PDB file of N, CA and C in Angstrom:
ATOM      1  N   MET A   1     -17.490  17.538  49.769  1.00  0.00           N
ATOM      2  CA  MET A   1     -17.340  18.824  50.403  1.00  0.00           C
ATOM      3  C   MET A   1     -18.252  19.863  49.751  1.00  0.00           C
ATOM      4  N   LYS A   2     -18.416  19.742  48.420  1.00  0.00           N
ATOM      5  CA  LYS A   2     -19.294  20.656  47.699  1.00  0.00           C
ATOM      6  C   LYS A   2     -20.723  20.578  48.229  1.00  0.00           C
ATOM      7  N   LEU A   3     -21.145  19.364  48.539  1.00  0.00           N
ATOM      8  CA  LEU A   3     -22.496  19.155  49.053  1.00  0.00           C
ATOM      9  C   LEU A   3     -22.676  19.842  50.408  1.00  0.00           C
ATOM     10  N   LEU A   4     -21.665  19.765  51.255  1.00  0.00           N
ATOM     11  CA  LEU A   4     -21.726  20.414  52.567  1.00  0.00           C
ATOM     12  C   LEU A   4     -21.835  21.932  52.413  1.00  0.00           C
ATOM     13  N   TYR A   5     -21.030  22.497  51.524  1.00  0.00           N
ATOM     14  CA  TYR A   5     -21.081  23.946  51.304  1.00  0.00           C
ATOM     15  C   TYR A   5     -22.434  24.379  50.742  1.00  0.00           C
ATOM     16  N   SER A   6     -22.961  23.579  49.841  1.00  0.00           N
ATOM     17  CA  SER A   6     -24.286  23.883  49.278  1.00  0.00           C
ATOM     18  C   SER A   6     -25.351  23.839  50.365  1.00  0.00           C
ATOM     19  N   TYR A   7     -25.286  22.806  51.219  1.00  0.00           N
ATOM     20  CA  TYR A   7     -26.240  22.680  52.314  1.00  0.00           C
ATOM     21  C   TYR A   7     -26.156  23.899  53.237  1.00  0.00           C
ATOM     22  N   LEU A   8     -24.933  24.265  53.623  1.00  0.00           N
ATOM     23  CA  LEU A   8     -24.764  25.401  54.540  1.00  0.00           C
ATOM     24  C   LEU A   8     -25.253  26.701  53.921  1.00  0.00           C
ATOM     25  N   LEU A   9     -25.024  26.878  52.638  1.00  0.00           N
ATOM     26  CA  LEU A   9     -25.513  28.073  51.963  1.00  0.00           C
ATOM     27  C   LEU A   9     -27.040  28.122  51.979  1.00  0.00           C
ATOM     28  N   ILE A  10     -27.671  26.999  51.683  1.00  0.00           N
ATOM     29  CA  ILE A  10     -29.136  26.935  51.636  1.00  0.00           C
ATOM     30  C   ILE A  10     -29.752  27.114  53.017  1.00  0.00           C
ATOM     31  N   ILE A  11     -29.223  26.429  54.028  1.00  0.00           N
ATOM     32  CA  ILE A  11     -29.814  26.492  55.370  1.00  0.00           C
ATOM     33  C   ILE A  11     -29.614  27.881  55.990  1.00  0.00           C
ATOM     34  N   ASN A  12     -28.488  28.525  55.682  1.00  0.00           N
ATOM     35  CA  ASN A  12     -28.273  29.877  56.200  1.00  0.00           C
ATOM     36  C   ASN A  12     -29.144  30.895  55.479  1.00  0.00           C
ATOM     37  N   ALA A  13     -29.341  30.702  54.181  1.00  0.00           N
ATOM     38  CA  ALA A  13     -30.269  31.568  53.448  1.00  0.00           C
ATOM     39  C   ALA A  13     -31.680  31.394  54.003  1.00  0.00           C
ATOM     40  N   ALA A  14     -32.043  30.153  54.332  1.00  0.00           N
ATOM     41  CA  ALA A  14     -33.367  29.890  54.908  1.00  0.00           C
ATOM     42  C   ALA A  14     -33.518  30.589  56.258  1.00  0.00           C
ATOM     43  N   GLY A  15     -32.502  30.492  57.113  1.00  0.00           N
ATOM     44  CA  GLY A  15     -32.552  31.165  58.416  1.00  0.00           C
ATOM     45  C   GLY A  15     -32.704  32.667  58.272  1.00  0.00           C
ATOM     46  N   PHE A  16     -31.959  33.233  57.339  1.00  0.00           N
ATOM     47  CA  PHE A  16     -32.016  34.668  57.070  1.00  0.00           C
ATOM     48  C   PHE A  16     -33.404  35.075  56.574  1.00  0.00           C
ATOM     49  N   LEU A  17     -33.915  34.328  55.599  1.00  0.00           N
ATOM     50  CA  LEU A  17     -35.221  34.652  55.024  1.00  0.00           C
ATOM     51  C   LEU A  17     -36.363  34.430  56.010  1.00  0.00           C
ATOM     52  N   LEU A  18     -36.243  33.413  56.861  1.00  0.00           N
ATOM     53  CA  LEU A  18     -37.287  33.182  57.864  1.00  0.00           C
ATOM     54  C   LEU A  18     -37.379  34.352  58.833  1.00  0.00           C
ATOM     55  N   MET A  19     -36.242  34.923  59.206  1.00  0.00           N
ATOM     56  CA  MET A  19     -36.259  36.107  60.076  1.00  0.00           C
ATOM     57  C   MET A  19     -36.930  37.278  59.366  1.00  0.00           C
ATOM     58  N   LEU A  20     -36.621  37.448  58.084  1.00  0.00           N
ATOM     59  CA  LEU A  20     -37.234  38.524  57.302  1.00  0.00           C
ATOM     60  C   LEU A  20     -38.741  38.343  57.195  1.00  0.00           C
ATOM     61  N   VAL A  21     -39.174  37.145  56.858  1.00  0.00           N
ATOM     62  CA  VAL A  21     -40.603  36.869  56.689  1.00  0.00           C
ATOM     63  C   VAL A  21     -41.338  37.016  58.018  1.00  0.00           C
ATOM     64  N   ASP A  22     -40.748  36.511  59.102  1.00  0.00           N
ATOM     65  CA  ASP A  22     -41.417  36.609  60.396  1.00  0.00           C
ATOM     66  C   ASP A  22     -41.526  38.062  60.850  1.00  0.00           C
ATOM     67  N   LYS A  23     -40.510  38.862  60.569  1.00  0.00           N
ATOM     68  CA  LYS A  23     -40.573  40.283  60.910  1.00  0.00           C
ATOM     69  C   LYS A  23     -41.689  40.960  60.105  1.00  0.00           C
ATOM     70  N   TRP A  24     -41.775  40.641  58.820  1.00  0.00           N
ATOM     71  CA  TRP A  24     -42.827  41.202  57.973  1.00  0.00           C
ATOM     72  C   TRP A  24     -44.201  40.798  58.497  1.00  0.00           C
ATOM     73  N   LYS A  25     -44.353  39.516  58.867  1.00  0.00           N
ATOM     74  CA  LYS A  25     -45.634  39.039  59.385  1.00  0.00           C
ATOM     75  C   LYS A  25     -45.973  39.720  60.707  1.00  0.00           C
ATOM     76  N   ALA A  26     -44.981  39.984  61.530  1.00  0.00           N
ATOM     77  CA  ALA A  26     -45.218  40.666  62.804  1.00  0.00           C
ATOM     78  C   ALA A  26     -45.740  42.080  62.567  1.00  0.00           C
ATOM     79  N   LYS A  27     -45.168  42.772  61.597  1.00  0.00           N
ATOM     80  CA  LYS A  27     -45.624  44.129  61.283  1.00  0.00           C
ATOM     81  C   LYS A  27     -47.039  44.153  60.713  1.00  0.00           C
ATOM     82  N   LYS A  28     -47.412  43.103  59.986  1.00  0.00           N
ATOM     83  CA  LYS A  28     -48.718  43.040  59.330  1.00  0.00           C
ATOM     84  C   LYS A  28     -49.780  42.331  60.175  1.00  0.00           C
ATOM     85  N   ASN A  29     -49.432  41.957  61.404  1.00  0.00           N
ATOM     86  CA  ASN A  29     -50.354  41.237  62.292  1.00  0.00           C
ATOM     87  C   ASN A  29     -50.877  39.945  61.669  1.00  0.00           C
ATOM     88  N   ARG A  30     -50.004  39.179  61.083  1.00  0.00           N
ATOM     89  CA  ARG A  30     -50.366  37.921  60.444  1.00  0.00           C
ATOM     90  C   ARG A  30     -49.864  36.750  61.266  1.00  0.00           C
ATOM     91  N   TRP A  31     -50.280  35.540  60.835  1.00  0.00           N
ATOM     92  CA  TRP A  31     -49.782  34.331  61.490  1.00  0.00           C
ATOM     93  C   TRP A  31     -48.269  34.320  61.411  1.00  0.00           C
ATOM     94  N   ARG A  32     -47.626  33.972  62.531  1.00  0.00           N
ATOM     95  CA  ARG A  32     -46.179  34.049  62.641  1.00  0.00           C
ATOM     96  C   ARG A  32     -45.528  32.695  62.474  1.00  0.00           C
ATOM     97  N   ILE A  33     -44.249  32.717  62.210  1.00  0.00           N
ATOM     98  CA  ILE A  33     -43.440  31.505  62.173  1.00  0.00           C
ATOM     99  C   ILE A  33     -43.120  31.148  63.617  1.00  0.00           C
ATOM    100  N   ARG A  34     -43.260  29.881  63.964  1.00  0.00           N
ATOM    101  CA  ARG A  34     -43.012  29.461  65.343  1.00  0.00           C
ATOM    102  C   ARG A  34     -41.563  29.719  65.747  1.00  0.00           C
ATOM    103  N   GLU A  35     -41.381  30.108  67.011  1.00  0.00           N
ATOM    104  CA  GLU A  35     -40.031  30.318  67.521  1.00  0.00           C
ATOM    105  C   GLU A  35     -39.220  29.032  67.438  1.00  0.00           C
ATOM    106  N   SER A  36     -39.873  27.907  67.689  1.00  0.00           N
ATOM    107  CA  SER A  36     -39.164  26.627  67.619  1.00  0.00           C
ATOM    108  C   SER A  36     -38.632  26.371  66.209  1.00  0.00           C
ATOM    109  N   THR A  37     -39.374  26.768  65.196  1.00  0.00           N
ATOM    110  CA  THR A  37     -38.917  26.603  63.813  1.00  0.00           C
ATOM    111  C   THR A  37     -37.681  27.457  63.557  1.00  0.00           C
ATOM    112  N   LEU A  38     -37.715  28.693  64.027  1.00  0.00           N
ATOM    113  CA  LEU A  38     -36.564  29.580  63.852  1.00  0.00           C
ATOM    114  C   LEU A  38     -35.326  29.009  64.536  1.00  0.00           C
ATOM    115  N   LEU A  39     -35.490  28.467  65.734  1.00  0.00           N
ATOM    116  CA  LEU A  39     -34.359  27.901  66.468  1.00  0.00           C
ATOM    117  C   LEU A  39     -33.882  26.590  65.854  1.00  0.00           C
ATOM    118  N   ILE A  40     -34.792  25.789  65.343  1.00  0.00           N
ATOM    119  CA  ILE A  40     -34.403  24.521  64.709  1.00  0.00           C
ATOM    120  C   ILE A  40     -33.579  24.782  63.456  1.00  0.00           C
ATOM    121  N   VAL A  41     -33.983  25.755  62.667  1.00  0.00           N
ATOM    122  CA  VAL A  41     -33.218  26.087  61.459  1.00  0.00           C
ATOM    123  C   VAL A  41     -31.803  26.531  61.854  1.00  0.00           C
ATOM    124  N   ALA A  42     -31.699  27.313  62.908  1.00  0.00           N
ATOM    125  CA  ALA A  42     -30.379  27.726  63.388  1.00  0.00           C
ATOM    126  C   ALA A  42     -29.568  26.510  63.844  1.00  0.00           C
ATOM    127  N   ALA A  43     -30.202  25.614  64.559  1.00  0.00           N
ATOM    128  CA  ALA A  43     -29.512  24.425  65.068  1.00  0.00           C
ATOM    129  C   ALA A  43     -29.101  23.466  63.957  1.00  0.00           C
ATOM    130  N   LEU A  44     -29.815  23.480  62.856  1.00  0.00           N
ATOM    131  CA  LEU A  44     -29.499  22.594  61.732  1.00  0.00           C
ATOM    132  C   LEU A  44     -28.390  23.160  60.842  1.00  0.00           C
ATOM    133  N   GLY A  45     -27.772  24.241  61.278  1.00  0.00           N
ATOM    134  CA  GLY A  45     -26.647  24.801  60.542  1.00  0.00           C
ATOM    135  C   GLY A  45     -26.873  26.205  60.039  1.00  0.00           C
ATOM    136  N   GLY A  46     -28.053  26.755  60.275  1.00  0.00           N
ATOM    137  CA  GLY A  46     -28.373  28.085  59.777  1.00  0.00           C
ATOM    138  C   GLY A  46     -28.169  29.189  60.789  1.00  0.00           C
ATOM    139  N   SER A  47     -27.281  28.986  61.736  1.00  0.00           N
ATOM    140  CA  SER A  47     -27.112  29.970  62.808  1.00  0.00           C
ATOM    141  C   SER A  47     -26.529  31.290  62.315  1.00  0.00           C
ATOM    142  N   VAL A  48     -25.637  31.246  61.349  1.00  0.00           N
ATOM    143  CA  VAL A  48     -25.042  32.490  60.835  1.00  0.00           C
ATOM    144  C   VAL A  48     -26.114  33.327  60.129  1.00  0.00           C
ATOM    145  N   GLY A  49     -26.888  32.690  59.273  1.00  0.00           N
ATOM    146  CA  GLY A  49     -27.958  33.397  58.572  1.00  0.00           C
ATOM    147  C   GLY A  49     -29.033  33.904  59.513  1.00  0.00           C
ATOM    148  N   SER A  50     -29.375  33.082  60.496  1.00  0.00           N
ATOM    149  CA  SER A  50     -30.392  33.483  61.477  1.00  0.00           C
ATOM    150  C   SER A  50     -29.912  34.668  62.301  1.00  0.00           C
ATOM    151  N   LEU A  51     -28.666  34.618  62.724  1.00  0.00           N
ATOM    152  CA  LEU A  51     -28.108  35.706  63.531  1.00  0.00           C
ATOM    153  C   LEU A  51     -28.023  36.989  62.710  1.00  0.00           C
ATOM    154  N   ALA A  52     -27.584  36.865  61.472  1.00  0.00           N
ATOM    155  CA  ALA A  52     -27.501  38.044  60.600  1.00  0.00           C
ATOM    156  C   ALA A  52     -28.890  38.635  60.368  1.00  0.00           C
ATOM    157  N   GLY A  53     -29.870  37.786  60.086  1.00  0.00           N
ATOM    158  CA  GLY A  53     -31.233  38.259  59.871  1.00  0.00           C
ATOM    159  C   GLY A  53     -31.833  38.878  61.119  1.00  0.00           C
ATOM    160  N   MET A  54     -31.506  38.276  62.250  1.00  0.00           N
ATOM    161  CA  MET A  54     -32.037  38.760  63.519  1.00  0.00           C
ATOM    162  C   MET A  54     -31.596  40.207  63.766  1.00  0.00           C
ATOM    163  N   TYR A  55     -30.330  40.495  63.551  1.00  0.00           N
ATOM    164  CA  TYR A  55     -29.840  41.840  63.830  1.00  0.00           C
ATOM    165  C   TYR A  55     -30.061  42.809  62.671  1.00  0.00           C
ATOM    166  N   LEU A  56     -30.006  42.330  61.452  1.00  0.00           N
ATOM    167  CA  LEU A  56     -30.246  43.213  60.314  1.00  0.00           C
ATOM    168  C   LEU A  56     -31.685  43.714  60.301  1.00  0.00           C
ATOM    169  N   PHE A  57     -32.628  42.831  60.600  1.00  0.00           N
ATOM    170  CA  PHE A  57     -34.044  43.204  60.590  1.00  0.00           C
ATOM    171  C   PHE A  57     -34.555  43.603  61.971  1.00  0.00           C
ATOM    172  N   ARG A  58     -33.667  43.615  62.967  1.00  0.00           N
ATOM    173  CA  ARG A  58     -34.029  43.925  64.361  1.00  0.00           C
ATOM    174  C   ARG A  58     -35.233  43.101  64.804  1.00  0.00           C
ATOM    175  N   HIS A  59     -35.070  41.800  64.641  1.00  0.00           N
ATOM    176  CA  HIS A  59     -36.163  40.880  64.943  1.00  0.00           C
ATOM    177  C   HIS A  59     -35.722  39.882  66.009  1.00  0.00           C
ATOM    178  N   LYS A  60     -36.509  39.749  67.045  1.00  0.00           N
ATOM    179  CA  LYS A  60     -36.258  38.834  68.161  1.00  0.00           C
ATOM    180  C   LYS A  60     -35.056  39.263  68.997  1.00  0.00           C
ATOM    181  N   THR A  61     -34.632  40.503  68.869  1.00  0.00           N
ATOM    182  CA  THR A  61     -33.453  40.957  69.608  1.00  0.00           C
ATOM    183  C   THR A  61     -33.743  41.272  71.071  1.00  0.00           C
ATOM    184  N   LEU A  62     -34.996  41.277  71.455  1.00  0.00           N
ATOM    185  CA  LEU A  62     -35.352  41.494  72.855  1.00  0.00           C
ATOM    186  C   LEU A  62     -35.671  40.181  73.571  1.00  0.00           C
ATOM    187  N   HIS A  63     -35.580  39.079  72.836  1.00  0.00           N
ATOM    188  CA  HIS A  63     -35.887  37.768  73.396  1.00  0.00           C
ATOM    189  C   HIS A  63     -34.591  37.072  73.790  1.00  0.00           C
ATOM    190  N   LEU A  64     -34.412  36.813  75.065  1.00  0.00           N
ATOM    191  CA  LEU A  64     -33.205  36.167  75.580  1.00  0.00           C
ATOM    192  C   LEU A  64     -32.958  34.822  74.895  1.00  0.00           C
ATOM    193  N   LYS A  65     -34.036  34.124  74.591  1.00  0.00           N
ATOM    194  CA  LYS A  65     -33.937  32.829  73.914  1.00  0.00           C
ATOM    195  C   LYS A  65     -33.162  32.958  72.600  1.00  0.00           C
ATOM    196  N   PHE A  66     -33.284  34.091  71.943  1.00  0.00           N
ATOM    197  CA  PHE A  66     -32.623  34.302  70.667  1.00  0.00           C
ATOM    198  C   PHE A  66     -31.285  35.025  70.819  1.00  0.00           C
ATOM    199  N   THR A  67     -31.231  36.055  71.657  1.00  0.00           N
ATOM    200  CA  THR A  67     -29.991  36.827  71.795  1.00  0.00           C
ATOM    201  C   THR A  67     -28.881  36.019  72.459  1.00  0.00           C
ATOM    202  N   VAL A  68     -29.242  35.029  73.250  1.00  0.00           N
ATOM    203  CA  VAL A  68     -28.256  34.142  73.860  1.00  0.00           C
ATOM    204  C   VAL A  68     -28.218  32.804  73.119  1.00  0.00           C
ATOM    205  N   GLY A  69     -29.385  32.307  72.774  1.00  0.00           N
ATOM    206  CA  GLY A  69     -29.491  30.971  72.186  1.00  0.00           C
ATOM    207  C   GLY A  69     -28.810  30.814  70.847  1.00  0.00           C
ATOM    208  N   ILE A  70     -29.052  31.731  69.925  1.00  0.00           N
ATOM    209  CA  ILE A  70     -28.470  31.585  68.586  1.00  0.00           C
ATOM    210  C   ILE A  70     -26.948  31.759  68.619  1.00  0.00           C
ATOM    211  N   PRO A  71     -26.392  32.731  69.355  1.00  0.00           N
ATOM    212  CA  PRO A  71     -24.928  32.768  69.447  1.00  0.00           C
ATOM    213  C   PRO A  71     -24.337  31.508  70.111  1.00  0.00           C
ATOM    214  N   LEU A  72     -25.039  30.941  71.080  1.00  0.00           N
ATOM    215  CA  LEU A  72     -24.555  29.692  71.694  1.00  0.00           C
ATOM    216  C   LEU A  72     -24.593  28.535  70.696  1.00  0.00           C
ATOM    217  N   ILE A  73     -25.645  28.483  69.892  1.00  0.00           N
ATOM    218  CA  ILE A  73     -25.727  27.454  68.851  1.00  0.00           C
ATOM    219  C   ILE A  73     -24.568  27.629  67.875  1.00  0.00           C
ATOM    220  N   LEU A  74     -24.302  28.858  67.464  1.00  0.00           N
ATOM    221  CA  LEU A  74     -23.201  29.138  66.543  1.00  0.00           C
ATOM    222  C   LEU A  74     -21.863  28.733  67.156  1.00  0.00           C
ATOM    223  N   ALA A  75     -21.649  29.072  68.415  1.00  0.00           N
ATOM    224  CA  ALA A  75     -20.397  28.700  69.087  1.00  0.00           C
ATOM    225  C   ALA A  75     -20.244  27.182  69.154  1.00  0.00           C
ATOM    226  N   ALA A  76     -21.319  26.480  69.486  1.00  0.00           N
ATOM    227  CA  ALA A  76     -21.273  25.019  69.547  1.00  0.00           C
ATOM    228  C   ALA A  76     -20.974  24.429  68.171  1.00  0.00           C
ATOM    229  N   GLN A  77     -21.540  25.009  67.130  1.00  0.00           N
ATOM    230  CA  GLN A  77     -21.289  24.525  65.776  1.00  0.00           C
ATOM    231  C   GLN A  77     -19.836  24.771  65.365  1.00  0.00           C
ATOM    232  N   CYS A  78     -19.284  25.896  65.752  1.00  0.00           N
ATOM    233  CA  CYS A  78     -17.880  26.183  65.447  1.00  0.00           C
ATOM    234  C   CYS A  78     -16.955  25.216  66.169  1.00  0.00           C
ATOM    235  N   ILE A  79     -17.232  24.961  67.441  1.00  0.00           N
ATOM    236  CA  ILE A  79     -16.432  24.008  68.216  1.00  0.00           C
ATOM    237  C   ILE A  79     -16.521  22.616  67.607  1.00  0.00           C
ATOM    238  N   ALA A  80     -17.727  22.203  67.237  1.00  0.00           N
ATOM    239  CA  ALA A  80     -17.915  20.889  66.616  1.00  0.00           C
ATOM    240  C   ALA A  80     -17.146  20.795  65.302  1.00  0.00           C
ATOM    241  N   ALA A  81     -17.169  21.850  64.501  1.00  0.00           N
ATOM    242  CA  ALA A  81     -16.454  21.849  63.219  1.00  0.00           C
ATOM    243  C   ALA A  81     -14.950  21.726  63.435  1.00  0.00           C
ATOM    244  N   VAL A  82     -14.423  22.449  64.417  1.00  0.00           N
ATOM    245  CA  VAL A  82     -12.988  22.375  64.713  1.00  0.00           C
ATOM    246  C   VAL A  82     -12.613  20.975  65.184  1.00  0.00           C
ATOM    247  N   LEU A  83     -13.433  20.404  66.059  1.00  0.00           N
ATOM    248  CA  LEU A  83     -13.157  19.045  66.552  1.00  0.00           C
ATOM    249  C   LEU A  83     -13.220  18.016  65.417  1.00  0.00           C
ATOM    250  N   ILE A  84     -14.197  18.136  64.556  1.00  0.00           N
ATOM    251  CA  ILE A  84     -14.324  17.201  63.433  1.00  0.00           C
ATOM    252  C   ILE A  84     -13.127  17.325  62.496  1.00  0.00           C
ATOM    253  N   MET A  85     -12.713  18.545  62.218  1.00  0.00           N
ATOM    254  CA  MET A  85     -11.561  18.735  61.331  1.00  0.00           C
ATOM    255  C   MET A  85     -10.277  18.217  61.982  1.00  0.00           C
ATOM    256  N   ALA A  86     -10.142  18.409  63.298  1.00  0.00           N
ATOM    257  CA  ALA A  86      -8.960  17.905  64.000  1.00  0.00           C
ATOM    258  C   ALA A  86      -8.923  16.383  63.985  1.00  0.00           C
ATOM    259  N   LEU A  87     -10.075  15.764  64.180  1.00  0.00           N
ATOM    260  CA  LEU A  87     -10.137  14.307  64.161  1.00  0.00           C
ATOM    261  C   LEU A  87      -9.902  13.752  62.751  1.00  0.00           C
ATOM    262  N   ALA A  88     -10.387  14.471  61.756  1.00  0.00           N
ATOM    263  CA  ALA A  88     -10.210  14.026  60.373  1.00  0.00           C
ATOM    264  C   ALA A  88      -8.746  14.142  59.936  1.00  0.00           C
ATOM    265  N   ALA A  89      -8.022  15.078  60.524  1.00  0.00           N
ATOM    266  CA  ALA A  89      -6.624  15.289  60.161  1.00  0.00           C
ATOM    267  C   ALA A  89      -5.716  14.180  60.706  1.00  0.00           C
ATOM    268  N   LYS A  90      -6.188  13.464  61.697  1.00  0.00           N
ATOM    269  CA  LYS A  90      -5.353  12.404  62.316  1.00  0.00           C
ATOM    270  C   LYS A  90      -5.310  11.173  61.463  1.00  0.00           C
TER     271      LYS A  90
END
């Protein structure tokens, strides 16, 4: 269980930091982080960090792919976690 918590902490920190770095790169007119990379990190468990970074840094908030996609990924992850815990309890 410790390993899972460590993984979730790291992947969410990565999602958060990727939003920060991409916002900084956007302001400086530099090469950007691919949208697919941002979404993959969210899908791999970093949806909370990605969502927090998205709104804290006001980054990608006008893109439907992110304003709908990341909350849907988070909801799916929550449902999956509840189902896994329910099955494990049996």
